[in-house]
Amino acid sequence: MKQCEMITNIDAKCFFESEISNMDAGILALNLSKPALRALIRLNVYTLLDLSKISRESLQNAHGLGPTTLVKLEPFLN
């Protein structure tokens, strides 16, 4: 079984922790999981405005965004 990148790569862990701290309060208020926040970072989504510009298809195909997260994000999509 492949280990999680965050366990094996300290640089990646530090990068994502730093990027999460740069996310807008509106995104953080959604109480998303760490994998979901990392997926949004990979999609360059840091604010609710950024989120409104992303297609549903991109979100559905993003690793780390499951059905529960997609339900939370749905009200912010166009």
PDB file of N, CA and C in Angstrom:
ATOM      1  N   MET A   1       0.842  -1.173   0.000  1.00  0.00           N
ATOM      2  CA  MET A   1       0.000   0.000   0.000  1.00  0.00           C
ATOM      3  C   MET A   1       0.890   1.240   0.000  1.00  0.00           C
ATOM      4  N   LYS A   2       0.555   2.178  -0.833  1.00  0.00           N
ATOM      5  CA  LYS A   2       1.315   3.421  -0.943  1.00  0.00           C
ATOM      6  C   LYS A   2       1.033   4.322   0.252  1.00  0.00           C
ATOM      7  N   GLN A   3       2.115   4.882   0.847  1.00  0.00           N
ATOM      8  CA  GLN A   3       1.941   5.793   1.973  1.00  0.00           C
ATOM      9  C   GLN A   3       1.535   7.174   1.486  1.00  0.00           C
ATOM     10  N   CYS A   4       0.828   7.866   2.350  1.00  0.00           N
ATOM     11  CA  CYS A   4       0.377   9.215   2.053  1.00  0.00           C
ATOM     12  C   CYS A   4       1.573  10.133   1.821  1.00  0.00           C
ATOM     13  N   GLU A   5       1.474  10.974   0.816  1.00  0.00           N
ATOM     14  CA  GLU A   5       2.530  11.931   0.484  1.00  0.00           C
ATOM     15  C   GLU A   5       2.869  12.820   1.675  1.00  0.00           C
ATOM     16  N   MET A   6       1.884  13.140   2.494  1.00  0.00           N
ATOM     17  CA  MET A   6       2.117  14.046   3.622  1.00  0.00           C
ATOM     18  C   MET A   6       2.956  13.386   4.711  1.00  0.00           C
ATOM     19  N   ILE A   7       2.963  12.058   4.772  1.00  0.00           N
ATOM     20  CA  ILE A   7       3.772  11.343   5.756  1.00  0.00           C
ATOM     21  C   ILE A   7       5.202  11.207   5.260  1.00  0.00           C
ATOM     22  N   THR A   8       5.381  10.973   3.989  1.00  0.00           N
ATOM     23  CA  THR A   8       6.699  10.680   3.450  1.00  0.00           C
ATOM     24  C   THR A   8       7.451  11.891   2.915  1.00  0.00           C
ATOM     25  N   ASN A   9       6.773  12.994   2.663  1.00  0.00           N
ATOM     26  CA  ASN A   9       7.420  14.158   2.063  1.00  0.00           C
ATOM     27  C   ASN A   9       7.192  15.384   2.949  1.00  0.00           C
ATOM     28  N   ILE A  10       8.176  15.682   3.783  1.00  0.00           N
ATOM     29  CA  ILE A  10       8.051  16.789   4.720  1.00  0.00           C
ATOM     30  C   ILE A  10       7.951  18.131   3.995  1.00  0.00           C
ATOM     31  N   ASP A  11       8.615  18.277   2.856  1.00  0.00           N
ATOM     32  CA  ASP A  11       8.526  19.522   2.093  1.00  0.00           C
ATOM     33  C   ASP A  11       7.099  19.763   1.598  1.00  0.00           C
ATOM     34  N   ALA A  12       6.452  18.714   1.110  1.00  0.00           N
ATOM     35  CA  ALA A  12       5.074  18.836   0.642  1.00  0.00           C
ATOM     36  C   ALA A  12       4.160  19.190   1.807  1.00  0.00           C
ATOM     37  N   LYS A  13       4.377  18.551   2.947  1.00  0.00           N
ATOM     38  CA  LYS A  13       3.554  18.837   4.127  1.00  0.00           C
ATOM     39  C   LYS A  13       3.689  20.303   4.526  1.00  0.00           C
ATOM     40  N   CYS A  14       4.910  20.803   4.572  1.00  0.00           N
ATOM     41  CA  CYS A  14       5.141  22.204   4.935  1.00  0.00           C
ATOM     42  C   CYS A  14       4.523  23.148   3.907  1.00  0.00           C
ATOM     43  N   PHE A  15       4.659  22.800   2.636  1.00  0.00           N
ATOM     44  CA  PHE A  15       4.082  23.629   1.576  1.00  0.00           C
ATOM     45  C   PHE A  15       2.570  23.754   1.753  1.00  0.00           C
ATOM     46  N   PHE A  16       1.898  22.623   1.906  1.00  0.00           N
ATOM     47  CA  PHE A  16       0.442  22.658   2.007  1.00  0.00           C
ATOM     48  C   PHE A  16      -0.018  23.343   3.290  1.00  0.00           C
ATOM     49  N   GLU A  17       0.683  23.137   4.393  1.00  0.00           N
ATOM     50  CA  GLU A  17       0.313  23.829   5.634  1.00  0.00           C
ATOM     51  C   GLU A  17       0.423  25.338   5.458  1.00  0.00           C
ATOM     52  N   SER A  18       1.464  25.785   4.775  1.00  0.00           N
ATOM     53  CA  SER A  18       1.638  27.209   4.513  1.00  0.00           C
ATOM     54  C   SER A  18       0.530  27.741   3.607  1.00  0.00           C
ATOM     55  N   GLU A  19       0.215  26.994   2.572  1.00  0.00           N
ATOM     56  CA  GLU A  19      -0.823  27.418   1.632  1.00  0.00           C
ATOM     57  C   GLU A  19      -2.196  27.441   2.289  1.00  0.00           C
ATOM     58  N   ILE A  20      -2.482  26.479   3.148  1.00  0.00           N
ATOM     59  CA  ILE A  20      -3.770  26.453   3.845  1.00  0.00           C
ATOM     60  C   ILE A  20      -3.917  27.700   4.704  1.00  0.00           C
ATOM     61  N   SER A  21      -2.822  28.132   5.316  1.00  0.00           N
ATOM     62  CA  SER A  21      -2.885  29.336   6.155  1.00  0.00           C
ATOM     63  C   SER A  21      -3.153  30.590   5.321  1.00  0.00           C
ATOM     64  N   ASN A  22      -2.921  30.524   4.004  1.00  0.00           N
ATOM     65  CA  ASN A  22      -3.177  31.652   3.107  1.00  0.00           C
ATOM     66  C   ASN A  22      -4.595  31.652   2.533  1.00  0.00           C
ATOM     67  N   MET A  23      -5.359  30.623   2.839  1.00  0.00           N
ATOM     68  CA  MET A  23      -6.711  30.522   2.284  1.00  0.00           C
ATOM     69  C   MET A  23      -7.641  31.514   2.977  1.00  0.00           C
ATOM     70  N   ASP A  24      -8.630  31.954   2.228  1.00  0.00           N
ATOM     71  CA  ASP A  24      -9.636  32.896   2.697  1.00  0.00           C
ATOM     72  C   ASP A  24     -10.465  32.282   3.832  1.00  0.00           C
ATOM     73  N   ALA A  25     -10.888  33.124   4.751  1.00  0.00           N
ATOM     74  CA  ALA A  25     -11.701  32.681   5.883  1.00  0.00           C
ATOM     75  C   ALA A  25     -12.988  32.004   5.415  1.00  0.00           C
ATOM     76  N   GLY A  26     -13.522  32.427   4.287  1.00  0.00           N
ATOM     77  CA  GLY A  26     -14.743  31.818   3.754  1.00  0.00           C
ATOM     78  C   GLY A  26     -14.555  30.354   3.403  1.00  0.00           C
ATOM     79  N   ILE A  27     -13.414  30.025   2.842  1.00  0.00           N
ATOM     80  CA  ILE A  27     -13.102  28.626   2.522  1.00  0.00           C
ATOM     81  C   ILE A  27     -12.875  27.841   3.811  1.00  0.00           C
ATOM     82  N   LEU A  28     -12.088  28.403   4.716  1.00  0.00           N
ATOM     83  CA  LEU A  28     -11.764  27.710   5.962  1.00  0.00           C
ATOM     84  C   LEU A  28     -13.005  27.499   6.824  1.00  0.00           C
ATOM     85  N   ALA A  29     -13.976  28.396   6.728  1.00  0.00           N
ATOM     86  CA  ALA A  29     -15.208  28.282   7.515  1.00  0.00           C
ATOM     87  C   ALA A  29     -16.062  27.080   7.097  1.00  0.00           C
ATOM     88  N   LEU A  30     -15.784  26.512   5.938  1.00  0.00           N
ATOM     89  CA  LEU A  30     -16.537  25.346   5.469  1.00  0.00           C
ATOM     90  C   LEU A  30     -16.138  24.068   6.208  1.00  0.00           C
ATOM     91  N   ASN A  31     -15.065  24.155   7.012  1.00  0.00           N
ATOM     92  CA  ASN A  31     -14.581  23.005   7.795  1.00  0.00           C
ATOM     93  C   ASN A  31     -14.323  21.776   6.928  1.00  0.00           C
ATOM     94  N   LEU A  32     -13.591  21.985   5.841  1.00  0.00           N
ATOM     95  CA  LEU A  32     -13.256  20.892   4.934  1.00  0.00           C
ATOM     96  C   LEU A  32     -12.090  20.091   5.503  1.00  0.00           C
ATOM     97  N   SER A  33     -11.977  18.863   5.064  1.00  0.00           N
ATOM     98  CA  SER A  33     -10.874  18.010   5.489  1.00  0.00           C
ATOM     99  C   SER A  33      -9.559  18.508   4.890  1.00  0.00           C
ATOM    100  N   LYS A  34      -8.454  18.080   5.476  1.00  0.00           N
ATOM    101  CA  LYS A  34      -7.137  18.463   4.942  1.00  0.00           C
ATOM    102  C   LYS A  34      -6.962  17.978   3.501  1.00  0.00           C
ATOM    103  N   PRO A  35      -7.347  16.742   3.165  1.00  0.00           N
ATOM    104  CA  PRO A  35      -7.225  16.328   1.765  1.00  0.00           C
ATOM    105  C   PRO A  35      -8.034  17.222   0.821  1.00  0.00           C
ATOM    106  N   ALA A  36      -9.212  17.663   1.266  1.00  0.00           N
ATOM    107  CA  ALA A  36     -10.037  18.545   0.433  1.00  0.00           C
ATOM    108  C   ALA A  36      -9.367  19.902   0.262  1.00  0.00           C
ATOM    109  N   LEU A  37      -8.793  20.435   1.333  1.00  0.00           N
ATOM    110  CA  LEU A  37      -8.089  21.717   1.225  1.00  0.00           C
ATOM    111  C   LEU A  37      -6.878  21.602   0.299  1.00  0.00           C
ATOM    112  N   ARG A  38      -6.160  20.495   0.389  1.00  0.00           N
ATOM    113  CA  ARG A  38      -5.011  20.302  -0.509  1.00  0.00           C
ATOM    114  C   ARG A  38      -5.472  20.205  -1.963  1.00  0.00           C
ATOM    115  N   ALA A  39      -6.603  19.548  -2.187  1.00  0.00           N
ATOM    116  CA  ALA A  39      -7.147  19.456  -3.555  1.00  0.00           C
ATOM    117  C   ALA A  39      -7.499  20.840  -4.087  1.00  0.00           C
ATOM    118  N   LEU A  40      -8.093  21.680  -3.250  1.00  0.00           N
ATOM    119  CA  LEU A  40      -8.421  23.034  -3.686  1.00  0.00           C
ATOM    120  C   LEU A  40      -7.157  23.825  -3.997  1.00  0.00           C
ATOM    121  N   ILE A  41      -6.131  23.648  -3.201  1.00  0.00           N
ATOM    122  CA  ILE A  41      -4.856  24.336  -3.476  1.00  0.00           C
ATOM    123  C   ILE A  41      -4.303  23.898  -4.826  1.00  0.00           C
ATOM    124  N   ARG A  42      -4.369  22.607  -5.107  1.00  0.00           N
ATOM    125  CA  ARG A  42      -3.886  22.107  -6.405  1.00  0.00           C
ATOM    126  C   ARG A  42      -4.676  22.721  -7.565  1.00  0.00           C
ATOM    127  N   LEU A  43      -5.917  23.113  -7.291  1.00  0.00           N
ATOM    128  CA  LEU A  43      -6.757  23.757  -8.314  1.00  0.00           C
ATOM    129  C   LEU A  43      -6.649  25.287  -8.262  1.00  0.00           C
ATOM    130  N   ASN A  44      -5.751  25.795  -7.419  1.00  0.00           N
ATOM    131  CA  ASN A  44      -5.563  27.246  -7.230  1.00  0.00           C
ATOM    132  C   ASN A  44      -6.817  27.931  -6.707  1.00  0.00           C
ATOM    133  N   VAL A  45      -7.513  27.271  -5.812  1.00  0.00           N
ATOM    134  CA  VAL A  45      -8.702  27.835  -5.181  1.00  0.00           C
ATOM    135  C   VAL A  45      -8.332  28.235  -3.757  1.00  0.00           C
ATOM    136  N   TYR A  46      -8.309  29.543  -3.515  1.00  0.00           N
ATOM    137  CA  TYR A  46      -7.962  30.077  -2.199  1.00  0.00           C
ATOM    138  C   TYR A  46      -9.090  30.920  -1.607  1.00  0.00           C
ATOM    139  N   THR A  47     -10.070  31.292  -2.435  1.00  0.00           N
ATOM    140  CA  THR A  47     -11.185  32.122  -1.987  1.00  0.00           C
ATOM    141  C   THR A  47     -12.488  31.560  -2.556  1.00  0.00           C
ATOM    142  N   LEU A  48     -13.598  32.050  -2.016  1.00  0.00           N
ATOM    143  CA  LEU A  48     -14.892  31.641  -2.557  1.00  0.00           C
ATOM    144  C   LEU A  48     -15.065  32.142  -3.991  1.00  0.00           C
ATOM    145  N   LEU A  49     -14.467  33.279  -4.316  1.00  0.00           N
ATOM    146  CA  LEU A  49     -14.515  33.779  -5.693  1.00  0.00           C
ATOM    147  C   LEU A  49     -13.766  32.826  -6.626  1.00  0.00           C
ATOM    148  N   ASP A  50     -12.604  32.362  -6.202  1.00  0.00           N
ATOM    149  CA  ASP A  50     -11.866  31.369  -7.000  1.00  0.00           C
ATOM    150  C   ASP A  50     -12.725  30.128  -7.211  1.00  0.00           C
ATOM    151  N   LEU A  51     -13.401  29.706  -6.150  1.00  0.00           N
ATOM    152  CA  LEU A  51     -14.236  28.512  -6.219  1.00  0.00           C
ATOM    153  C   LEU A  51     -15.354  28.688  -7.237  1.00  0.00           C
ATOM    154  N   SER A  52     -15.923  29.875  -7.310  1.00  0.00           N
ATOM    155  CA  SER A  52     -17.027  30.112  -8.240  1.00  0.00           C
ATOM    156  C   SER A  52     -16.597  30.027  -9.704  1.00  0.00           C
ATOM    157  N   LYS A  53     -15.299  30.082  -9.945  1.00  0.00           N
ATOM    158  CA  LYS A  53     -14.779  30.034 -11.313  1.00  0.00           C
ATOM    159  C   LYS A  53     -14.382  28.623 -11.758  1.00  0.00           C
ATOM    160  N   ILE A  54     -14.461  27.668 -10.855  1.00  0.00           N
ATOM    161  CA  ILE A  54     -14.059  26.288 -11.144  1.00  0.00           C
ATOM    162  C   ILE A  54     -15.274  25.495 -11.612  1.00  0.00           C
ATOM    163  N   SER A  55     -15.078  24.644 -12.583  1.00  0.00           N
ATOM    164  CA  SER A  55     -16.190  23.828 -13.074  1.00  0.00           C
ATOM    165  C   SER A  55     -16.478  22.669 -12.114  1.00  0.00           C
ATOM    166  N   ARG A  56     -17.723  22.257 -12.117  1.00  0.00           N
ATOM    167  CA  ARG A  56     -18.111  21.099 -11.308  1.00  0.00           C
ATOM    168  C   ARG A  56     -17.289  19.879 -11.707  1.00  0.00           C
ATOM    169  N   GLU A  57     -17.063  19.744 -12.987  1.00  0.00           N
ATOM    170  CA  GLU A  57     -16.307  18.592 -13.493  1.00  0.00           C
ATOM    171  C   GLU A  57     -14.892  18.571 -12.926  1.00  0.00           C
ATOM    172  N   SER A  58     -14.239  19.725 -12.876  1.00  0.00           N
ATOM    173  CA  SER A  58     -12.894  19.794 -12.305  1.00  0.00           C
ATOM    174  C   SER A  58     -12.905  19.378 -10.846  1.00  0.00           C
ATOM    175  N   LEU A  59     -13.905  19.829 -10.118  1.00  0.00           N
ATOM    176  CA  LEU A  59     -14.006  19.464  -8.705  1.00  0.00           C
ATOM    177  C   LEU A  59     -14.279  17.970  -8.541  1.00  0.00           C
ATOM    178  N   GLN A  60     -15.166  17.437  -9.351  1.00  0.00           N
ATOM    179  CA  GLN A  60     -15.510  16.019  -9.248  1.00  0.00           C
ATOM    180  C   GLN A  60     -14.319  15.125  -9.583  1.00  0.00           C
ATOM    181  N   ASN A  61     -13.431  15.599 -10.435  1.00  0.00           N
ATOM    182  CA  ASN A  61     -12.275  14.806 -10.839  1.00  0.00           C
ATOM    183  C   ASN A  61     -11.053  15.016  -9.960  1.00  0.00           C
ATOM    184  N   ALA A  62     -11.126  15.950  -9.024  1.00  0.00           N
ATOM    185  CA  ALA A  62      -9.972  16.273  -8.181  1.00  0.00           C
ATOM    186  C   ALA A  62      -9.792  15.229  -7.088  1.00  0.00           C
ATOM    187  N   HIS A  63      -8.573  14.738  -6.959  1.00  0.00           N
ATOM    188  CA  HIS A  63      -8.249  13.783  -5.901  1.00  0.00           C
ATOM    189  C   HIS A  63      -8.335  14.497  -4.557  1.00  0.00           C
ATOM    190  N   GLY A  64      -9.116  13.950  -3.634  1.00  0.00           N
ATOM    191  CA  GLY A  64      -9.252  14.530  -2.311  1.00  0.00           C
ATOM    192  C   GLY A  64     -10.593  15.178  -2.056  1.00  0.00           C
ATOM    193  N   LEU A  65     -11.395  15.325  -3.093  1.00  0.00           N
ATOM    194  CA  LEU A  65     -12.725  15.915  -2.935  1.00  0.00           C
ATOM    195  C   LEU A  65     -13.773  14.824  -3.084  1.00  0.00           C
ATOM    196  N   GLY A  66     -14.338  14.421  -1.962  1.00  0.00           N
ATOM    197  CA  GLY A  66     -15.358  13.380  -1.970  1.00  0.00           C
ATOM    198  C   GLY A  66     -16.752  13.964  -2.020  1.00  0.00           C
ATOM    199  N   PRO A  67     -17.754  13.093  -1.995  1.00  0.00           N
ATOM    200  CA  PRO A  67     -19.145  13.529  -2.096  1.00  0.00           C
ATOM    201  C   PRO A  67     -19.574  14.511  -1.000  1.00  0.00           C
ATOM    202  N   THR A  68     -19.117  14.298   0.225  1.00  0.00           N
ATOM    203  CA  THR A  68     -19.487  15.196   1.324  1.00  0.00           C
ATOM    204  C   THR A  68     -18.951  16.598   1.082  1.00  0.00           C
ATOM    205  N   THR A  69     -17.717  16.685   0.616  1.00  0.00           N
ATOM    206  CA  THR A  69     -17.114  17.983   0.326  1.00  0.00           C
ATOM    207  C   THR A  69     -17.820  18.655  -0.834  1.00  0.00           C
ATOM    208  N   LEU A  70     -18.133  17.894  -1.856  1.00  0.00           N
ATOM    209  CA  LEU A  70     -18.806  18.474  -3.020  1.00  0.00           C
ATOM    210  C   LEU A  70     -20.157  19.072  -2.642  1.00  0.00           C
ATOM    211  N   VAL A  71     -20.866  18.452  -1.710  1.00  0.00           N
ATOM    212  CA  VAL A  71     -22.144  18.996  -1.239  1.00  0.00           C
ATOM    213  C   VAL A  71     -21.905  20.338  -0.553  1.00  0.00           C
ATOM    214  N   LYS A  72     -20.839  20.445   0.238  1.00  0.00           N
ATOM    215  CA  LYS A  72     -20.528  21.690   0.916  1.00  0.00           C
ATOM    216  C   LYS A  72     -20.140  22.804  -0.065  1.00  0.00           C
ATOM    217  N   LEU A  73     -19.511  22.431  -1.173  1.00  0.00           N
ATOM    218  CA  LEU A  73     -19.039  23.411  -2.147  1.00  0.00           C
ATOM    219  C   LEU A  73     -20.121  23.846  -3.135  1.00  0.00           C
ATOM    220  N   GLU A  74     -21.113  23.016  -3.327  1.00  0.00           N
ATOM    221  CA  GLU A  74     -22.153  23.259  -4.342  1.00  0.00           C
ATOM    222  C   GLU A  74     -22.769  24.654  -4.285  1.00  0.00           C
ATOM    223  N   PRO A  75     -23.117  25.212  -3.126  1.00  0.00           N
ATOM    224  CA  PRO A  75     -23.753  26.540  -3.119  1.00  0.00           C
ATOM    225  C   PRO A  75     -22.869  27.661  -3.673  1.00  0.00           C
ATOM    226  N   PHE A  76     -21.570  27.426  -3.778  1.00  0.00           N
ATOM    227  CA  PHE A  76     -20.663  28.470  -4.218  1.00  0.00           C
ATOM    228  C   PHE A  76     -20.280  28.361  -5.684  1.00  0.00           C
ATOM    229  N   LEU A  77     -20.827  27.380  -6.361  1.00  0.00           N
ATOM    230  CA  LEU A  77     -20.526  27.188  -7.787  1.00  0.00           C
ATOM    231  C   LEU A  77     -21.563  27.885  -8.635  1.00  0.00           C
ATOM    232  N   ASN A  78     -21.139  28.305  -9.816  1.00  0.00           N
ATOM    233  CA  ASN A  78     -22.077  28.965 -10.752  1.00  0.00           C
ATOM    234  C   ASN A  78     -22.867  27.933 -11.518  1.00  0.00           C
TER     235      ASN A  78
END
